[in-house]
Amino acid sequence: MYLLAECAFLSLMFSLYWLCRQRRRYLIRRIGKRAFDNVYHVGRNIFFMLRRYTLEISGDTSALSRGCILYSFHFGVWELMPPTLAKMGYRLGIIVNRNSETNGPIIGKLFDTLLHRWRSMIGVTVFYKENTLEIVRFLKSGGIFGILVDGDTMFQKFPKTQKLARLCRVPLIPFAAYRRAGKGVLDVGCDLPDLVRTMPNEYMWFYKSR
């Protein structure tokens, strides 16, 4: 049953790949012949995230109890970091984009509502870019704030994230969540660029800034 559901989801991903001509060309420009393979791996990762698997934690987690900023890329199964840590009792907050700003008011608002419910149902606080003061208060009160810093480049949003960390006097820690041997791993304190080099198909190369 799982295999059939995954195959159906991958069929949807490849259909979107062919229908979204502009994004397809952008992907091919970035990675060339590996584009089709990348869509396959990203599709499997998204399906894995929808199943809400809990990740096994690797790396130094000592700073998490004091509050910090955890940053990553659109890599692997990144959406599973917040629910994994929330289940362990940590107070998690994440910043997200509003789809209604780029995908039209009706479809965008529907996606925003569904994603907000999916992300917040296990106690994760969802912030938007206009919630700056709330984010600062959250961090200063010891919360863990998750952010993806990539855009048109890998570290496009990293300088602003550094400023936020300095303002709130909290550590800035990289993380990656990915599948390994059929299980999910949350790697805290990893080398993100090195992971992208060694596992390039885990990165969502067709992502771009909105």
N, C-alpha and C. Protein backbone atom coordinates (compact mmCIF):
# COMPACT_ATOMS: atom_id res chain seq x y z
N MET A 1 0.82 -1.20 0.00
CA MET A 1 0.00 0.00 0.00
C MET A 1 0.87 1.26 0.00
N TYR A 2 1.91 1.23 0.84
CA TYR A 2 2.81 2.40 0.91
C TYR A 2 3.47 2.63 -0.44
N LEU A 3 3.92 1.55 -1.08
CA LEU A 3 4.60 1.66 -2.37
C LEU A 3 3.67 2.24 -3.44
N LEU A 4 2.42 1.79 -3.44
CA LEU A 4 1.45 2.30 -4.41
C LEU A 4 1.18 3.78 -4.20
N ALA A 5 1.05 4.17 -2.93
CA ALA A 5 0.80 5.58 -2.62
C ALA A 5 1.99 6.45 -3.02
N GLU A 6 3.20 5.93 -2.78
CA GLU A 6 4.39 6.68 -3.15
C GLU A 6 4.50 6.81 -4.67
N CYS A 7 4.17 5.75 -5.39
CA CYS A 7 4.21 5.80 -6.86
C CYS A 7 3.20 6.82 -7.40
N ALA A 8 2.02 6.86 -6.79
CA ALA A 8 1.01 7.83 -7.21
C ALA A 8 1.48 9.25 -6.97
N PHE A 9 2.13 9.46 -5.82
CA PHE A 9 2.64 10.80 -5.50
C PHE A 9 3.76 11.20 -6.46
N LEU A 10 4.64 10.27 -6.78
CA LEU A 10 5.72 10.56 -7.72
C LEU A 10 5.16 10.89 -9.11
N SER A 11 4.09 10.21 -9.50
CA SER A 11 3.45 10.52 -10.78
C SER A 11 2.94 11.95 -10.80
N LEU A 12 2.39 12.39 -9.67
CA LEU A 12 1.93 13.77 -9.55
C LEU A 12 3.10 14.74 -9.66
N MET A 13 4.22 14.42 -9.00
CA MET A 13 5.40 15.29 -9.05
C MET A 13 5.92 15.43 -10.48
N PHE A 14 6.00 14.33 -11.21
CA PHE A 14 6.51 14.40 -12.58
C PHE A 14 5.52 15.12 -13.51
N SER A 15 4.23 15.01 -13.22
CA SER A 15 3.24 15.75 -14.00
C SER A 15 3.43 17.25 -13.79
N LEU A 16 3.65 17.66 -12.55
CA LEU A 16 3.90 19.07 -12.26
C LEU A 16 5.19 19.54 -12.90
N TYR A 17 6.18 18.65 -12.94
CA TYR A 17 7.46 18.99 -13.57
C TYR A 17 7.27 19.36 -15.03
N TRP A 18 6.45 18.59 -15.74
CA TRP A 18 6.23 18.86 -17.16
C TRP A 18 5.28 20.03 -17.38
N LEU A 19 4.34 20.23 -16.47
CA LEU A 19 3.37 21.32 -16.63
C LEU A 19 3.96 22.69 -16.32
N CYS A 20 4.86 22.74 -15.33
CA CYS A 20 5.44 24.02 -14.90
C CYS A 20 6.70 24.31 -15.73
N ARG A 21 6.50 24.82 -16.92
CA ARG A 21 7.60 24.99 -17.87
C ARG A 21 8.69 25.93 -17.34
N GLN A 22 8.28 27.05 -16.75
CA GLN A 22 9.27 28.03 -16.27
C GLN A 22 10.16 27.44 -15.18
N ARG A 23 9.53 26.74 -14.23
CA ARG A 23 10.31 26.14 -13.14
C ARG A 23 11.17 25.00 -13.66
N ARG A 24 10.68 24.26 -14.67
CA ARG A 24 11.46 23.17 -15.26
C ARG A 24 12.73 23.70 -15.93
N ARG A 25 12.57 24.80 -16.66
CA ARG A 25 13.74 25.40 -17.32
C ARG A 25 14.74 25.92 -16.30
N TYR A 26 14.22 26.49 -15.22
CA TYR A 26 15.09 26.98 -14.14
C TYR A 26 15.89 25.83 -13.54
N LEU A 27 15.23 24.70 -13.29
CA LEU A 27 15.89 23.52 -12.73
C LEU A 27 16.96 23.00 -13.68
N ILE A 28 16.65 22.88 -14.95
CA ILE A 28 17.61 22.38 -15.93
C ILE A 28 18.81 23.31 -16.06
N ARG A 29 18.55 24.62 -15.95
CA ARG A 29 19.65 25.59 -15.99
C ARG A 29 20.61 25.38 -14.83
N ARG A 30 20.09 24.97 -13.69
CA ARG A 30 20.92 24.82 -12.49
C ARG A 30 21.69 23.50 -12.47
N ILE A 31 21.05 22.40 -12.86
CA ILE A 31 21.72 21.10 -12.70
C ILE A 31 21.72 20.24 -13.96
N GLY A 32 21.21 20.75 -15.07
CA GLY A 32 21.31 20.04 -16.34
C GLY A 32 20.60 18.69 -16.36
N LYS A 33 21.33 17.65 -16.79
CA LYS A 33 20.74 16.32 -16.99
C LYS A 33 20.27 15.66 -15.70
N ARG A 34 20.69 16.18 -14.55
CA ARG A 34 20.27 15.58 -13.28
C ARG A 34 18.88 16.02 -12.85
N ALA A 35 18.22 16.88 -13.64
CA ALA A 35 16.93 17.46 -13.24
C ALA A 35 15.88 16.38 -12.96
N PHE A 36 15.74 15.42 -13.86
CA PHE A 36 14.71 14.38 -13.71
C PHE A 36 14.97 13.56 -12.45
N ASP A 37 16.22 13.21 -12.22
CA ASP A 37 16.60 12.43 -11.03
C ASP A 37 16.32 13.23 -9.76
N ASN A 38 16.56 14.53 -9.81
CA ASN A 38 16.31 15.39 -8.65
C ASN A 38 14.83 15.43 -8.29
N VAL A 39 13.97 15.54 -9.30
CA VAL A 39 12.52 15.55 -9.05
C VAL A 39 12.09 14.25 -8.38
N TYR A 40 12.67 13.13 -8.81
CA TYR A 40 12.35 11.82 -8.21
C TYR A 40 12.71 11.81 -6.72
N HIS A 41 13.92 12.24 -6.38
CA HIS A 41 14.36 12.22 -4.99
C HIS A 41 13.56 13.20 -4.13
N VAL A 42 13.32 14.40 -4.65
CA VAL A 42 12.54 15.38 -3.90
C VAL A 42 11.11 14.87 -3.68
N GLY A 43 10.54 14.23 -4.69
CA GLY A 43 9.21 13.66 -4.54
C GLY A 43 9.15 12.61 -3.44
N ARG A 44 10.15 11.75 -3.38
CA ARG A 44 10.20 10.74 -2.31
C ARG A 44 10.35 11.40 -0.95
N ASN A 45 11.13 12.46 -0.88
CA ASN A 45 11.31 13.17 0.38
C ASN A 45 10.02 13.83 0.85
N ILE A 46 9.30 14.46 -0.07
CA ILE A 46 8.04 15.11 0.30
C ILE A 46 7.04 14.08 0.79
N PHE A 47 6.96 12.93 0.12
CA PHE A 47 6.05 11.88 0.56
C PHE A 47 6.45 11.37 1.95
N PHE A 48 7.75 11.26 2.19
CA PHE A 48 8.26 10.84 3.50
C PHE A 48 7.83 11.85 4.57
N MET A 49 7.91 13.15 4.24
CA MET A 49 7.51 14.19 5.20
C MET A 49 6.02 14.13 5.50
N LEU A 50 5.22 13.84 4.48
CA LEU A 50 3.77 13.76 4.69
C LEU A 50 3.40 12.62 5.62
N ARG A 51 4.24 11.61 5.69
CA ARG A 51 3.99 10.47 6.59
C ARG A 51 4.33 10.80 8.04
N ARG A 52 4.97 11.98 8.27
CA ARG A 52 5.30 12.46 9.62
C ARG A 52 6.17 11.48 10.41
N TYR A 53 7.19 10.99 9.81
CA TYR A 53 8.13 10.13 10.54
C TYR A 53 8.91 10.97 11.55
N THR A 54 9.22 10.36 12.69
CA THR A 54 10.08 11.01 13.68
C THR A 54 11.53 10.71 13.33
N LEU A 55 12.39 11.72 13.44
CA LEU A 55 13.78 11.59 13.04
C LEU A 55 14.66 11.13 14.21
N GLU A 56 15.71 10.40 13.88
CA GLU A 56 16.74 10.05 14.87
C GLU A 56 17.74 11.20 14.92
N ILE A 57 18.07 11.66 16.12
CA ILE A 57 18.92 12.85 16.26
C ILE A 57 20.39 12.47 16.33
N SER A 58 21.19 13.23 15.57
CA SER A 58 22.64 13.07 15.55
C SER A 58 23.28 14.43 15.78
N GLY A 59 24.43 14.45 16.46
CA GLY A 59 25.12 15.72 16.67
C GLY A 59 24.93 16.27 18.07
N ASP A 60 25.48 17.46 18.31
CA ASP A 60 25.46 18.11 19.62
C ASP A 60 24.16 18.89 19.80
N THR A 61 23.34 18.47 20.75
CA THR A 61 22.06 19.14 21.01
C THR A 61 22.07 19.94 22.31
N SER A 62 23.24 20.16 22.90
CA SER A 62 23.31 20.82 24.21
C SER A 62 22.77 22.24 24.20
N ALA A 63 22.89 22.95 23.06
CA ALA A 63 22.44 24.35 23.01
C ALA A 63 20.93 24.48 22.85
N LEU A 64 20.26 23.40 22.52
CA LEU A 64 18.83 23.49 22.24
C LEU A 64 18.01 23.88 23.46
N SER A 65 18.42 23.46 24.62
CA SER A 65 17.65 23.74 25.83
C SER A 65 17.72 25.20 26.25
N ARG A 66 18.67 25.97 25.70
CA ARG A 66 18.83 27.38 26.09
C ARG A 66 18.25 28.33 25.05
N GLY A 67 17.71 27.79 23.98
CA GLY A 67 17.19 28.63 22.91
C GLY A 67 18.24 28.90 21.86
N CYS A 68 17.86 28.88 20.59
CA CYS A 68 18.81 29.07 19.50
C CYS A 68 18.05 29.26 18.19
N ILE A 69 18.82 29.58 17.14
CA ILE A 69 18.27 29.58 15.79
C ILE A 69 18.85 28.38 15.05
N LEU A 70 17.98 27.51 14.56
CA LEU A 70 18.39 26.38 13.74
C LEU A 70 18.11 26.74 12.28
N TYR A 71 19.14 26.69 11.45
CA TYR A 71 18.95 27.07 10.05
C TYR A 71 19.36 25.93 9.12
N SER A 72 18.72 25.91 7.96
CA SER A 72 19.02 24.86 6.98
C SER A 72 18.65 25.36 5.59
N PHE A 73 18.69 24.43 4.62
CA PHE A 73 18.25 24.67 3.25
C PHE A 73 16.99 23.85 2.99
N HIS A 74 16.41 24.02 1.79
CA HIS A 74 15.36 23.11 1.33
C HIS A 74 16.07 21.81 0.91
N PHE A 75 16.40 21.03 1.90
CA PHE A 75 17.25 19.85 1.73
C PHE A 75 16.62 18.68 2.47
N GLY A 76 16.55 17.54 1.80
CA GLY A 76 16.08 16.33 2.47
C GLY A 76 14.63 16.44 2.93
N VAL A 77 14.42 16.14 4.21
CA VAL A 77 13.08 16.14 4.81
C VAL A 77 13.00 17.21 5.90
N TRP A 78 13.33 18.43 5.52
CA TRP A 78 13.48 19.54 6.47
C TRP A 78 12.25 19.80 7.33
N GLU A 79 11.06 19.54 6.79
CA GLU A 79 9.82 19.83 7.53
C GLU A 79 9.66 18.95 8.77
N LEU A 80 10.44 17.89 8.89
CA LEU A 80 10.30 16.98 10.03
C LEU A 80 11.13 17.40 11.22
N MET A 81 11.99 18.42 11.07
CA MET A 81 12.75 18.91 12.23
C MET A 81 11.83 19.45 13.32
N PRO A 82 10.91 20.41 13.02
CA PRO A 82 10.07 20.97 14.09
C PRO A 82 9.23 19.93 14.84
N PRO A 83 8.49 19.04 14.15
CA PRO A 83 7.71 18.07 14.92
C PRO A 83 8.56 17.10 15.73
N THR A 84 9.75 16.76 15.22
CA THR A 84 10.63 15.86 15.96
C THR A 84 11.05 16.48 17.29
N LEU A 85 11.50 17.73 17.25
CA LEU A 85 11.94 18.40 18.48
C LEU A 85 10.77 18.76 19.39
N ALA A 86 9.62 19.11 18.78
CA ALA A 86 8.45 19.44 19.60
C ALA A 86 7.99 18.23 20.40
N LYS A 87 8.07 17.04 19.81
CA LYS A 87 7.68 15.82 20.52
C LYS A 87 8.61 15.53 21.69
N MET A 88 9.83 16.08 21.63
CA MET A 88 10.79 15.89 22.72
C MET A 88 10.63 16.94 23.82
N GLY A 89 9.66 17.84 23.65
CA GLY A 89 9.39 18.84 24.68
C GLY A 89 9.99 20.21 24.43
N TYR A 90 10.70 20.39 23.32
CA TYR A 90 11.26 21.70 23.01
C TYR A 90 10.16 22.63 22.48
N ARG A 91 10.35 23.93 22.71
CA ARG A 91 9.40 24.93 22.21
C ARG A 91 9.91 25.43 20.86
N LEU A 92 9.17 25.09 19.81
CA LEU A 92 9.61 25.34 18.44
C LEU A 92 8.80 26.44 17.78
N GLY A 93 9.49 27.27 17.01
CA GLY A 93 8.84 28.26 16.16
C GLY A 93 9.51 28.25 14.80
N ILE A 94 8.76 28.48 13.74
CA ILE A 94 9.33 28.52 12.39
C ILE A 94 8.77 29.73 11.65
N ILE A 95 9.52 30.21 10.67
CA ILE A 95 9.03 31.29 9.81
C ILE A 95 8.71 30.71 8.44
N VAL A 96 7.58 31.11 7.89
CA VAL A 96 7.14 30.57 6.60
C VAL A 96 6.71 31.70 5.67
N ASN A 97 6.65 31.41 4.38
CA ASN A 97 6.16 32.36 3.39
C ASN A 97 4.65 32.22 3.24
N ARG A 98 4.02 33.29 2.81
CA ARG A 98 2.59 33.23 2.49
C ARG A 98 2.44 32.88 1.01
N ASN A 99 1.83 31.74 0.73
CA ASN A 99 1.62 31.33 -0.66
C ASN A 99 0.67 32.26 -1.39
N SER A 100 -0.22 32.93 -0.65
CA SER A 100 -1.19 33.83 -1.28
C SER A 100 -0.52 35.02 -1.94
N GLU A 101 0.75 35.30 -1.58
CA GLU A 101 1.46 36.42 -2.18
C GLU A 101 1.98 36.09 -3.58
N THR A 102 2.11 34.79 -3.88
CA THR A 102 2.70 34.40 -5.17
C THR A 102 1.79 33.52 -6.02
N ASN A 103 0.85 32.80 -5.39
CA ASN A 103 0.03 31.83 -6.13
C ASN A 103 -1.42 32.26 -6.30
N GLY A 104 -1.72 33.53 -6.07
CA GLY A 104 -3.10 33.99 -6.21
C GLY A 104 -3.86 33.88 -4.91
N PRO A 105 -4.89 34.71 -4.72
CA PRO A 105 -5.58 34.78 -3.43
C PRO A 105 -6.35 33.53 -3.04
N ILE A 106 -6.93 32.82 -4.00
CA ILE A 106 -7.77 31.66 -3.65
C ILE A 106 -6.91 30.43 -3.39
N ILE A 107 -6.13 30.01 -4.38
CA ILE A 107 -5.27 28.82 -4.22
C ILE A 107 -4.24 29.06 -3.13
N GLY A 108 -3.65 30.27 -3.13
CA GLY A 108 -2.63 30.60 -2.14
C GLY A 108 -3.15 30.52 -0.72
N LYS A 109 -4.34 31.08 -0.47
CA LYS A 109 -4.91 31.05 0.88
C LYS A 109 -5.26 29.63 1.31
N LEU A 110 -5.71 28.82 0.35
CA LEU A 110 -6.00 27.42 0.66
C LEU A 110 -4.74 26.70 1.11
N PHE A 111 -3.63 26.88 0.35
CA PHE A 111 -2.36 26.27 0.72
C PHE A 111 -1.88 26.79 2.08
N ASP A 112 -2.01 28.11 2.31
CA ASP A 112 -1.59 28.69 3.58
C ASP A 112 -2.33 28.07 4.75
N THR A 113 -3.65 27.90 4.60
CA THR A 113 -4.47 27.32 5.67
C THR A 113 -4.07 25.87 5.95
N LEU A 114 -3.93 25.08 4.88
CA LEU A 114 -3.57 23.66 5.05
C LEU A 114 -2.19 23.50 5.68
N LEU A 115 -1.21 24.28 5.18
CA LEU A 115 0.15 24.17 5.71
C LEU A 115 0.22 24.67 7.15
N HIS A 116 -0.53 25.73 7.47
CA HIS A 116 -0.52 26.25 8.84
C HIS A 116 -1.06 25.20 9.81
N ARG A 117 -2.14 24.55 9.44
CA ARG A 117 -2.71 23.50 10.30
C ARG A 117 -1.76 22.32 10.43
N TRP A 118 -1.15 21.93 9.30
CA TRP A 118 -0.24 20.78 9.32
C TRP A 118 0.97 21.07 10.20
N ARG A 119 1.48 22.31 10.13
CA ARG A 119 2.68 22.65 10.88
C ARG A 119 2.40 22.93 12.36
N SER A 120 1.22 23.44 12.68
CA SER A 120 0.95 23.86 14.05
C SER A 120 0.20 22.83 14.88
N MET A 121 -0.28 21.75 14.28
CA MET A 121 -1.10 20.80 15.01
C MET A 121 -0.34 20.06 16.12
N ILE A 122 0.99 20.06 16.06
CA ILE A 122 1.72 19.38 17.14
C ILE A 122 2.47 20.39 18.02
N GLY A 123 1.98 21.62 18.04
CA GLY A 123 2.52 22.60 18.97
C GLY A 123 3.63 23.48 18.46
N VAL A 124 3.87 23.50 17.15
CA VAL A 124 4.89 24.38 16.57
C VAL A 124 4.26 25.75 16.29
N THR A 125 4.92 26.82 16.74
CA THR A 125 4.43 28.18 16.51
C THR A 125 4.85 28.64 15.12
N VAL A 126 3.91 29.13 14.34
CA VAL A 126 4.18 29.57 12.97
C VAL A 126 4.24 31.10 12.92
N PHE A 127 5.36 31.62 12.42
CA PHE A 127 5.55 33.06 12.25
C PHE A 127 5.61 33.41 10.77
N TYR A 128 5.27 34.67 10.47
CA TYR A 128 5.44 35.21 9.12
C TYR A 128 6.43 36.37 9.19
N LYS A 129 6.90 36.83 8.02
CA LYS A 129 7.98 37.81 8.00
C LYS A 129 7.63 39.12 8.68
N GLU A 130 6.33 39.44 8.80
CA GLU A 130 5.94 40.67 9.47
C GLU A 130 5.89 40.54 10.99
N ASN A 131 6.13 39.33 11.51
CA ASN A 131 6.07 39.09 12.96
C ASN A 131 7.42 39.26 13.64
N THR A 132 8.18 40.28 13.26
CA THR A 132 9.55 40.44 13.76
C THR A 132 9.61 40.53 15.28
N LEU A 133 8.79 41.38 15.88
CA LEU A 133 8.82 41.55 17.34
C LEU A 133 8.45 40.27 18.06
N GLU A 134 7.46 39.55 17.54
CA GLU A 134 7.07 38.28 18.17
C GLU A 134 8.21 37.26 18.10
N ILE A 135 8.94 37.25 16.98
CA ILE A 135 10.07 36.33 16.83
C ILE A 135 11.17 36.66 17.83
N VAL A 136 11.46 37.95 17.99
CA VAL A 136 12.49 38.38 18.95
C VAL A 136 12.09 37.97 20.36
N ARG A 137 10.84 38.21 20.74
CA ARG A 137 10.38 37.81 22.08
C ARG A 137 10.47 36.30 22.26
N PHE A 138 10.10 35.57 21.24
CA PHE A 138 10.13 34.10 21.29
C PHE A 138 11.55 33.61 21.55
N LEU A 139 12.52 34.16 20.83
CA LEU A 139 13.92 33.75 20.99
C LEU A 139 14.47 34.15 22.35
N LYS A 140 14.16 35.36 22.79
CA LYS A 140 14.68 35.83 24.08
C LYS A 140 14.07 35.07 25.25
N SER A 141 12.93 34.42 25.01
CA SER A 141 12.31 33.63 26.08
C SER A 141 12.79 32.18 26.08
N GLY A 142 13.76 31.86 25.20
CA GLY A 142 14.34 30.52 25.20
C GLY A 142 13.80 29.56 24.17
N GLY A 143 13.03 30.07 23.20
CA GLY A 143 12.49 29.20 22.17
C GLY A 143 13.52 28.83 21.10
N ILE A 144 13.24 27.78 20.36
CA ILE A 144 14.07 27.38 19.22
C ILE A 144 13.37 27.86 17.95
N PHE A 145 14.08 28.63 17.15
CA PHE A 145 13.51 29.23 15.95
C PHE A 145 14.14 28.59 14.72
N GLY A 146 13.31 28.01 13.86
CA GLY A 146 13.81 27.35 12.66
C GLY A 146 13.59 28.19 11.42
N ILE A 147 14.61 28.25 10.56
CA ILE A 147 14.52 29.05 9.34
C ILE A 147 15.32 28.39 8.22
N LEU A 148 14.82 28.49 7.00
CA LEU A 148 15.56 28.04 5.82
C LEU A 148 16.16 29.27 5.16
N VAL A 149 17.47 29.27 4.96
CA VAL A 149 18.18 30.48 4.52
C VAL A 149 18.46 30.53 3.03
N ASP A 150 18.08 29.50 2.29
CA ASP A 150 18.37 29.51 0.86
C ASP A 150 17.27 30.23 0.07
N GLY A 151 17.64 30.62 -1.14
CA GLY A 151 16.71 31.27 -2.06
C GLY A 151 17.24 31.05 -3.46
N ASP A 152 17.52 32.14 -4.17
CA ASP A 152 18.17 32.00 -5.48
C ASP A 152 19.62 31.54 -5.32
N THR A 153 20.18 31.75 -4.13
CA THR A 153 21.50 31.23 -3.76
C THR A 153 21.36 30.47 -2.45
N MET A 154 22.36 29.67 -2.11
CA MET A 154 22.28 28.83 -0.91
C MET A 154 22.10 29.62 0.38
N PHE A 155 22.83 30.73 0.50
CA PHE A 155 22.82 31.49 1.75
C PHE A 155 22.18 32.87 1.58
N GLN A 156 21.19 32.99 0.73
CA GLN A 156 20.60 34.30 0.43
C GLN A 156 20.07 35.00 1.67
N LYS A 157 19.42 34.27 2.58
CA LYS A 157 18.81 34.88 3.76
C LYS A 157 19.69 34.76 5.01
N PHE A 158 20.91 34.26 4.84
CA PHE A 158 21.76 34.03 6.00
C PHE A 158 22.21 35.32 6.68
N PRO A 159 22.59 36.40 5.97
CA PRO A 159 23.01 37.63 6.65
C PRO A 159 21.94 38.18 7.60
N LYS A 160 20.68 38.18 7.19
CA LYS A 160 19.60 38.66 8.06
C LYS A 160 19.43 37.74 9.27
N THR A 161 19.63 36.45 9.05
CA THR A 161 19.53 35.49 10.15
C THR A 161 20.65 35.72 11.17
N GLN A 162 21.84 36.04 10.68
CA GLN A 162 22.96 36.37 11.58
C GLN A 162 22.64 37.59 12.42
N LYS A 163 22.05 38.61 11.82
CA LYS A 163 21.68 39.83 12.56
C LYS A 163 20.67 39.51 13.66
N LEU A 164 19.71 38.65 13.34
CA LEU A 164 18.71 38.25 14.33
C LEU A 164 19.36 37.52 15.50
N ALA A 165 20.30 36.63 15.20
CA ALA A 165 21.00 35.89 16.26
C ALA A 165 21.79 36.83 17.16
N ARG A 166 22.45 37.81 16.56
CA ARG A 166 23.22 38.78 17.36
C ARG A 166 22.29 39.63 18.22
N LEU A 167 21.17 40.06 17.65
CA LEU A 167 20.21 40.88 18.38
C LEU A 167 19.66 40.15 19.60
N CYS A 168 19.36 38.88 19.44
CA CYS A 168 18.76 38.09 20.52
C CYS A 168 19.80 37.36 21.37
N ARG A 169 21.07 37.45 20.96
CA ARG A 169 22.18 36.81 21.69
C ARG A 169 21.94 35.31 21.87
N VAL A 170 21.66 34.66 20.75
CA VAL A 170 21.45 33.21 20.76
C VAL A 170 22.38 32.57 19.74
N PRO A 171 22.76 31.31 19.94
CA PRO A 171 23.62 30.64 18.96
C PRO A 171 22.89 30.35 17.65
N LEU A 172 23.65 30.34 16.58
CA LEU A 172 23.15 30.07 15.24
C LEU A 172 23.71 28.71 14.82
N ILE A 173 22.83 27.71 14.67
CA ILE A 173 23.27 26.33 14.50
C ILE A 173 22.69 25.74 13.21
N PRO A 174 23.53 25.18 12.33
CA PRO A 174 23.00 24.52 11.13
C PRO A 174 22.41 23.15 11.45
N PHE A 175 21.43 22.76 10.68
CA PHE A 175 20.88 21.41 10.81
C PHE A 175 20.51 20.89 9.42
N ALA A 176 20.42 19.59 9.32
CA ALA A 176 19.91 18.96 8.10
C ALA A 176 19.08 17.76 8.51
N ALA A 177 17.98 17.56 7.80
CA ALA A 177 17.13 16.39 8.03
C ALA A 177 17.05 15.63 6.70
N TYR A 178 17.36 14.35 6.74
CA TYR A 178 17.39 13.59 5.49
C TYR A 178 17.14 12.11 5.76
N ARG A 179 16.84 11.39 4.68
CA ARG A 179 16.62 9.95 4.78
C ARG A 179 17.95 9.21 4.66
N ARG A 180 18.09 8.17 5.47
CA ARG A 180 19.29 7.33 5.38
C ARG A 180 18.91 5.90 5.75
N ALA A 181 19.11 4.99 4.82
CA ALA A 181 18.79 3.57 5.04
C ALA A 181 17.34 3.37 5.48
N GLY A 182 16.43 4.11 4.85
CA GLY A 182 15.02 3.95 5.14
C GLY A 182 14.51 4.69 6.36
N LYS A 183 15.41 5.34 7.09
CA LYS A 183 15.03 6.09 8.28
C LYS A 183 15.36 7.57 8.10
N GLY A 184 14.80 8.40 8.96
CA GLY A 184 15.08 9.83 8.91
C GLY A 184 16.09 10.22 9.97
N VAL A 185 17.01 11.12 9.61
CA VAL A 185 18.06 11.58 10.52
C VAL A 185 17.98 13.09 10.65
N LEU A 186 18.08 13.59 11.89
CA LEU A 186 18.21 15.02 12.14
C LEU A 186 19.64 15.27 12.59
N ASP A 187 20.43 15.89 11.72
CA ASP A 187 21.86 16.12 11.96
C ASP A 187 22.04 17.56 12.43
N VAL A 188 22.32 17.74 13.71
CA VAL A 188 22.47 19.07 14.31
C VAL A 188 23.95 19.46 14.31
N GLY A 189 24.24 20.67 13.83
CA GLY A 189 25.63 21.14 13.78
C GLY A 189 26.40 20.62 12.59
N CYS A 190 25.71 20.27 11.52
CA CYS A 190 26.35 19.67 10.34
C CYS A 190 26.98 20.73 9.44
N ASP A 191 27.70 20.27 8.43
CA ASP A 191 28.26 21.14 7.39
C ASP A 191 27.31 21.10 6.20
N LEU A 192 26.45 22.10 6.09
CA LEU A 192 25.41 22.08 5.06
C LEU A 192 25.96 22.04 3.63
N PRO A 193 26.91 22.93 3.27
CA PRO A 193 27.44 22.87 1.90
C PRO A 193 28.05 21.52 1.55
N ASP A 194 28.72 20.90 2.53
CA ASP A 194 29.33 19.59 2.28
C ASP A 194 28.26 18.53 2.04
N LEU A 195 27.15 18.60 2.79
CA LEU A 195 26.06 17.65 2.58
C LEU A 195 25.45 17.80 1.18
N VAL A 196 25.31 19.04 0.72
CA VAL A 196 24.77 19.26 -0.62
C VAL A 196 25.73 18.71 -1.68
N ARG A 197 27.03 18.85 -1.43
CA ARG A 197 28.02 18.31 -2.38
C ARG A 197 27.98 16.78 -2.42
N THR A 198 27.83 16.16 -1.26
CA THR A 198 27.86 14.69 -1.21
C THR A 198 26.51 14.06 -1.54
N MET A 199 25.42 14.79 -1.30
CA MET A 199 24.08 14.27 -1.60
C MET A 199 23.29 15.32 -2.40
N PRO A 200 23.74 15.65 -3.61
CA PRO A 200 23.11 16.75 -4.36
C PRO A 200 21.64 16.54 -4.69
N ASN A 201 21.21 15.30 -4.83
CA ASN A 201 19.81 15.06 -5.18
C ASN A 201 18.86 15.26 -4.01
N GLU A 202 19.40 15.45 -2.80
CA GLU A 202 18.56 15.72 -1.65
C GLU A 202 18.12 17.19 -1.60
N TYR A 203 18.80 18.03 -2.36
CA TYR A 203 18.48 19.46 -2.35
C TYR A 203 17.40 19.77 -3.39
N MET A 204 16.48 20.67 -3.03
CA MET A 204 15.40 21.06 -3.93
C MET A 204 15.92 22.15 -4.87
N TRP A 205 16.55 21.73 -5.96
CA TRP A 205 17.20 22.68 -6.87
C TRP A 205 16.22 23.58 -7.60
N PHE A 206 14.96 23.21 -7.67
CA PHE A 206 14.00 24.06 -8.37
C PHE A 206 13.39 25.13 -7.47
N TYR A 207 13.84 25.20 -6.19
CA TYR A 207 13.35 26.25 -5.30
C TYR A 207 14.01 27.58 -5.66
N LYS A 208 13.25 28.66 -5.59
CA LYS A 208 13.79 29.99 -5.83
C LYS A 208 13.07 30.99 -4.93
N SER A 209 13.69 32.15 -4.71
CA SER A 209 13.10 33.17 -3.85
C SER A 209 11.78 33.67 -4.42
N ARG A 210 10.87 34.03 -3.51
CA ARG A 210 9.57 34.54 -3.95
C ARG A 210 9.59 36.06 -3.97
